[in-house]
């Protein structure tokens, strides 16, 4: 992945302080090259937004030289895509101003970006937590889960957070040829399904890097159970894996990651692989 961070804020958004807070929190922890990207609907507001973001940068004691500022006009989604390009770093953003009724039907603009971005996306839906202390890392059996695990490891070590590693057993979709996955943790961990093997590998990877990690399984529909787990405990960040696809069908249909961005009440990181 690129070690580049893009913090994207819209000038009229009430969520702008939370996005800046979360983005700068990880910028300081990761020590990556960071762009503060200001998005404005009106050309007349561009100069004011530029000044505000430069003031933010200048207040970053000791590390301000790693930060640059840019402002753009027009559609926020298109502006972000034009700025980020083919980077495989991290984009931090909020709802970006879509009207509540449209957001209810179509989800936030940030969800639309998942069909185009090669970068991972950290979406901040509301108020940002003051610090990331507990991460919910949800994985399955597909190969892009390993990317989500590496992001979980990177962020957990950077901010000294604990991790709950979650797999959702979906009884109707487990491959019979690999045996039905057990629905209790002990039997699941001892089983030889592809899901269990992937989960054990992820658990071992986190443990060998001395991350405080707790395994967890739930049974049911993956999206519903991920959201239920998110609401059951005081998590500060949800991490999911997602595969970048140029397919128009994939972009139209979306998947669990886009639905999770629509429904999440805490910051959610959707990691990308190709």
Protein backbone atom coordinates (compact mmCIF):
# COMPACT_ATOMS: atom_id res chain seq x y z
CA UNK A 1 0.00 0.00 0.00
CA UNK A 2 1.04 3.61 -0.51
CA UNK A 3 1.94 5.48 2.64
CA UNK A 4 -0.25 8.40 1.65
CA UNK A 5 -3.19 9.79 3.60
CA UNK A 6 -5.94 11.97 2.13
CA UNK A 7 -8.17 13.83 4.60
CA UNK A 8 -11.15 15.05 2.59
CA UNK A 9 -13.50 17.65 4.10
CA UNK A 10 -16.37 19.69 2.71
CA UNK A 11 -16.63 23.35 3.64
CA UNK A 12 -20.32 23.37 4.59
CA UNK A 13 -20.39 20.00 6.36
CA UNK A 14 -21.19 19.81 10.08
CA UNK A 15 -19.03 16.67 10.10
CA UNK A 16 -15.89 18.55 9.06
CA UNK A 17 -14.36 18.79 12.59
CA UNK A 18 -14.84 15.04 13.20
CA UNK A 19 -13.24 14.10 9.88
CA UNK A 20 -10.29 16.38 10.57
CA UNK A 21 -9.94 14.99 14.11
CA UNK A 22 -9.97 11.36 12.97
CA UNK A 23 -7.75 11.98 9.96
CA UNK A 24 -5.14 13.93 11.92
CA UNK A 25 -5.21 11.30 14.68
CA UNK A 26 -4.09 8.63 12.22
CA UNK A 27 -1.77 11.00 10.36
CA UNK A 28 0.15 11.59 13.59
CA UNK A 29 0.11 7.90 14.54
CA UNK A 30 1.20 6.58 11.12
CA UNK A 31 3.54 9.46 10.23
CA UNK A 32 2.48 9.28 6.58
CA UNK A 33 2.59 11.99 3.93
CA UNK A 34 -0.80 13.68 4.29
CA UNK A 35 -2.94 15.88 2.07
CA UNK A 36 -5.69 18.03 3.57
CA UNK A 37 -8.19 18.22 0.71
CA UNK A 38 -10.87 20.90 1.01
CA UNK A 39 -13.99 20.51 -1.13
CA UNK A 40 -16.14 23.53 -1.93
CA UNK A 41 -19.35 23.90 -3.92
CA UNK A 42 -18.74 27.59 -4.53
CA UNK A 43 -15.54 28.99 -6.09
CA UNK A 44 -15.89 32.06 -3.85
CA UNK A 45 -15.40 29.88 -0.76
CA UNK A 46 -12.17 28.26 -1.96
CA UNK A 47 -9.78 30.88 -0.60
CA UNK A 48 -11.40 30.88 2.85
CA UNK A 49 -11.28 27.07 2.98
CA UNK A 50 -7.62 27.09 1.91
CA UNK A 51 -6.77 29.50 4.72
CA UNK A 52 -8.67 27.42 7.30
CA UNK A 53 -6.86 24.22 6.34
CA UNK A 54 -3.48 25.93 6.26
CA UNK A 55 -4.18 27.17 9.80
CA UNK A 56 -4.88 23.56 10.80
CA UNK A 57 -1.61 22.42 9.24
CA UNK A 58 0.40 25.18 10.89
CA UNK A 59 -0.87 24.11 14.32
CA UNK A 60 0.65 20.63 13.91
CA UNK A 61 3.78 21.13 15.97
CA UNK A 62 6.93 19.56 14.61
CA UNK A 63 5.39 17.58 11.74
CA UNK A 64 3.67 20.19 9.61
CA UNK A 65 6.12 19.67 6.72
CA UNK A 66 4.54 16.23 6.06
CA UNK A 67 1.21 17.94 5.42
CA UNK A 68 0.05 19.75 2.30
CA UNK A 69 -3.20 21.57 1.53
CA UNK A 70 -5.30 21.60 -1.62
CA UNK A 71 -8.81 22.87 -2.37
CA UNK A 72 -11.12 21.89 -5.21
CA UNK A 73 -14.55 22.92 -6.50
CA UNK A 74 -17.41 20.90 -7.90
CA UNK A 75 -18.87 17.48 -7.15
CA UNK A 76 -17.06 16.16 -4.04
CA UNK A 77 -16.93 12.54 -5.19
CA UNK A 78 -15.41 13.43 -8.56
CA UNK A 79 -12.97 15.84 -6.88
CA UNK A 80 -11.74 13.14 -4.49
CA UNK A 81 -11.30 10.63 -7.32
CA UNK A 82 -9.40 13.17 -9.41
CA UNK A 83 -7.10 14.00 -6.50
CA UNK A 84 -6.48 10.49 -5.18
CA UNK A 85 -6.12 8.84 -8.58
CA UNK A 86 -4.64 5.35 -8.47
CA UNK A 87 -3.15 5.68 -4.99
CA UNK A 88 -3.56 2.66 -2.72
CA UNK A 89 -3.21 4.68 0.47
CA UNK A 90 -5.99 5.80 2.81
CA UNK A 91 -8.83 8.27 2.22
CA UNK A 92 -10.57 9.72 5.29
CA UNK A 93 -13.90 11.44 4.76
CA UNK A 94 -17.45 11.94 6.08
CA UNK A 95 -20.94 12.05 4.52
CA UNK A 96 -19.85 14.88 2.16
CA UNK A 97 -23.18 16.66 2.17
CA UNK A 98 -25.72 14.38 0.48
CA UNK A 99 -29.24 15.35 1.61
CA UNK A 100 -30.67 13.11 4.39
CA UNK A 101 -33.48 11.71 2.21
CA UNK A 102 -31.09 10.83 -0.62
CA UNK A 103 -28.62 9.40 1.88
CA UNK A 104 -31.36 7.15 3.25
CA UNK A 105 -32.03 5.72 -0.20
CA UNK A 106 -28.58 5.79 -1.80
CA UNK A 107 -26.24 5.93 1.16
CA UNK A 108 -23.52 8.55 1.68
CA UNK A 109 -21.36 9.79 -1.20
CA UNK A 110 -18.46 8.01 0.48
CA UNK A 111 -20.19 4.69 -0.27
CA UNK A 112 -20.25 5.58 -3.97
CA UNK A 113 -16.48 6.03 -3.88
CA UNK A 114 -16.01 2.34 -3.07
CA UNK A 115 -16.86 1.54 -6.68
CA UNK A 116 -13.96 3.64 -7.93
CA UNK A 117 -11.25 4.07 -5.30
CA UNK A 118 -8.24 1.79 -5.17
CA UNK A 119 -7.35 3.34 -1.82
CA UNK A 120 -8.81 2.10 1.43
CA UNK A 121 -11.58 4.32 2.80
CA UNK A 122 -12.10 5.46 6.39
CA UNK A 123 -15.63 6.82 6.70
CA UNK A 124 -16.54 8.96 9.73
CA UNK A 125 -20.37 9.02 9.93
CA UNK A 126 -20.72 11.29 12.97
CA UNK A 127 -18.79 12.33 16.03
CA UNK A 128 -15.26 10.92 16.10
CA UNK A 129 -14.03 9.09 19.21
CA UNK A 130 -11.22 10.91 21.04
CA UNK A 131 -8.96 7.88 20.55
CA UNK A 132 -9.08 4.39 19.02
CA UNK A 133 -8.89 1.91 21.87
CA UNK A 134 -10.99 -1.05 20.64
CA UNK A 135 -11.16 -2.22 17.01
CA UNK A 136 -13.74 -4.63 15.57
CA UNK A 137 -12.07 -6.51 12.70
CA UNK A 138 -14.55 -8.59 10.69
CA UNK A 139 -13.15 -11.16 8.26
CA UNK A 140 -14.40 -14.00 6.09
CA UNK A 141 -12.70 -16.57 3.88
CA UNK A 142 -11.96 -14.53 0.76
CA UNK A 143 -8.39 -13.48 0.02
CA UNK A 144 -8.99 -9.79 0.66
CA UNK A 145 -9.58 -10.57 4.34
CA UNK A 146 -5.80 -10.82 4.71
CA UNK A 147 -5.51 -7.16 3.67
CA UNK A 148 -8.04 -6.20 6.36
CA UNK A 149 -5.98 -8.12 8.92
CA UNK A 150 -2.81 -6.25 7.91
CA UNK A 151 -4.62 -2.92 8.26
CA UNK A 152 -5.97 -4.00 11.65
CA UNK A 153 -2.46 -4.94 12.72
CA UNK A 154 -1.00 -1.67 11.43
CA UNK A 155 -3.55 0.55 13.17
CA UNK A 156 -3.71 -1.46 16.40
CA UNK A 157 0.05 -1.22 16.83
CA UNK A 158 0.14 2.46 15.82
CA UNK A 159 -2.40 3.53 18.45
CA UNK A 160 -2.03 0.64 20.96
CA UNK A 161 -5.60 -0.60 20.48
CA UNK A 162 -7.10 -3.99 21.31
CA UNK A 163 -8.83 -6.00 18.57
CA UNK A 164 -11.89 -8.22 18.51
CA UNK A 165 -11.52 -10.57 15.53
CA UNK A 166 -14.98 -11.50 14.24
CA UNK A 167 -16.23 -14.12 11.82
CA UNK A 168 -19.92 -14.57 11.06
CA UNK A 169 -21.02 -18.14 10.40
CA UNK A 170 -23.68 -17.99 7.70
CA UNK A 171 -25.36 -21.44 7.83
CA UNK A 172 -26.92 -21.12 4.38
CA UNK A 173 -23.72 -20.33 2.49
CA UNK A 174 -21.04 -22.57 4.00
CA UNK A 175 -19.61 -24.91 1.38
CA UNK A 176 -20.78 -28.49 2.18
CA UNK A 177 -17.61 -29.86 0.61
CA UNK A 178 -15.55 -28.28 3.39
CA UNK A 179 -18.00 -29.38 6.11
CA UNK A 180 -20.51 -27.14 7.88
CA UNK A 181 -18.79 -24.64 10.16
CA UNK A 182 -19.57 -25.19 13.87
CA UNK A 183 -21.45 -22.40 15.61
CA UNK A 184 -19.52 -22.29 18.88
CA UNK A 185 -16.06 -20.77 19.15
CA UNK A 186 -14.12 -23.77 20.46
CA UNK A 187 -15.44 -26.18 17.82
CA UNK A 188 -15.07 -23.55 15.11
CA UNK A 189 -11.41 -22.96 15.93
CA UNK A 190 -10.76 -26.73 15.88
CA UNK A 191 -12.57 -27.32 12.57
CA UNK A 192 -11.01 -27.59 9.11
CA UNK A 193 -13.32 -25.36 7.07
CA UNK A 194 -11.71 -22.71 4.91
CA UNK A 195 -13.36 -20.14 7.20
CA UNK A 196 -11.74 -21.60 10.31
CA UNK A 197 -8.31 -21.92 8.71
CA UNK A 198 -8.41 -18.31 7.59
CA UNK A 199 -9.57 -17.21 11.04
CA UNK A 200 -6.79 -19.14 12.81
CA UNK A 201 -4.19 -17.62 10.49
CA UNK A 202 -5.48 -14.13 11.20
CA UNK A 203 -5.56 -14.77 14.94
CA UNK A 204 -1.99 -16.10 14.89
CA UNK A 205 -0.79 -13.13 12.82
CA UNK A 206 -2.14 -10.64 15.35
CA UNK A 207 -0.90 -12.62 18.35
CA UNK A 208 2.64 -12.99 17.02
CA UNK A 209 2.81 -9.19 16.72
CA UNK A 210 1.70 -8.88 20.37
CA UNK A 211 -1.66 -7.31 19.60
CA UNK A 212 -4.27 -7.76 22.34
CA UNK A 213 -6.81 -9.77 20.32
CA UNK A 214 -9.98 -11.66 21.28
CA UNK A 215 -11.66 -14.14 18.87
CA UNK A 216 -15.43 -13.88 18.36
CA UNK A 217 -17.97 -15.66 16.16
CA UNK A 218 -21.63 -14.92 15.54
CA UNK A 219 -24.23 -16.85 13.55
CA UNK A 220 -26.56 -15.34 10.97
CA UNK A 221 -26.51 -12.90 8.07
CA UNK A 222 -23.01 -11.32 7.88
CA UNK A 223 -24.06 -7.67 7.63
CA UNK A 224 -26.73 -7.93 10.34
CA UNK A 225 -24.40 -9.74 12.72
CA UNK A 226 -21.49 -7.35 12.12
CA UNK A 227 -23.75 -4.41 12.91
CA UNK A 228 -25.20 -6.22 15.94
CA UNK A 229 -21.70 -6.90 17.28
CA UNK A 230 -20.75 -3.27 16.64
CA UNK A 231 -23.70 -2.16 18.76
CA UNK A 232 -23.09 -4.72 21.51
CA UNK A 233 -19.77 -3.32 22.73
CA UNK A 234 -18.04 0.05 22.85
CA UNK A 235 -15.98 -0.24 19.68
CA UNK A 236 -14.17 2.79 18.25
CA UNK A 237 -13.52 1.49 14.73
CA UNK A 238 -14.91 -1.21 12.42
CA UNK A 239 -12.61 -2.72 9.77
CA UNK A 240 -13.90 -4.69 6.78
CA UNK A 241 -12.19 -5.99 3.66
CA UNK A 242 -13.42 -5.25 0.14
CA UNK A 243 -12.21 -6.07 -3.37
CA UNK A 244 -11.75 -3.31 -5.95
CA UNK A 245 -13.56 -4.17 -9.20
CA UNK A 246 -13.89 -2.19 -12.41
CA UNK A 247 -17.01 -4.20 -13.24
CA UNK A 248 -20.08 -1.99 -13.74
CA UNK A 249 -22.22 -4.80 -12.30
CA UNK A 250 -20.12 -4.95 -9.12
CA UNK A 251 -20.28 -1.19 -8.74
CA UNK A 252 -24.06 -1.20 -9.18
CA UNK A 253 -24.85 -4.09 -6.86
CA UNK A 254 -22.29 -3.23 -4.17
CA UNK A 255 -21.93 -5.56 -1.21
CA UNK A 256 -21.52 -5.85 2.52
CA UNK A 257 -18.92 -3.07 2.67
CA UNK A 258 -21.16 -0.49 0.97
CA UNK A 259 -24.13 -1.50 3.12
CA UNK A 260 -21.97 -1.27 6.24
CA UNK A 261 -20.88 2.26 5.30
CA UNK A 262 -24.55 3.16 4.99
CA UNK A 263 -25.48 1.68 8.36
CA UNK A 264 -22.41 2.17 10.57
CA UNK A 265 -22.65 4.50 13.56
CA UNK A 266 -18.89 4.47 14.29
CA UNK A 267 -15.92 5.12 11.98
CA UNK A 268 -15.54 2.30 9.47
CA UNK A 269 -12.44 1.40 7.48
CA UNK A 270 -13.05 -0.48 4.24
CA UNK A 271 -9.72 -1.92 3.10
CA UNK A 272 -9.08 -2.56 -0.57
CA UNK A 273 -7.27 -5.23 -2.56
CA UNK A 274 -7.23 -5.99 -6.27
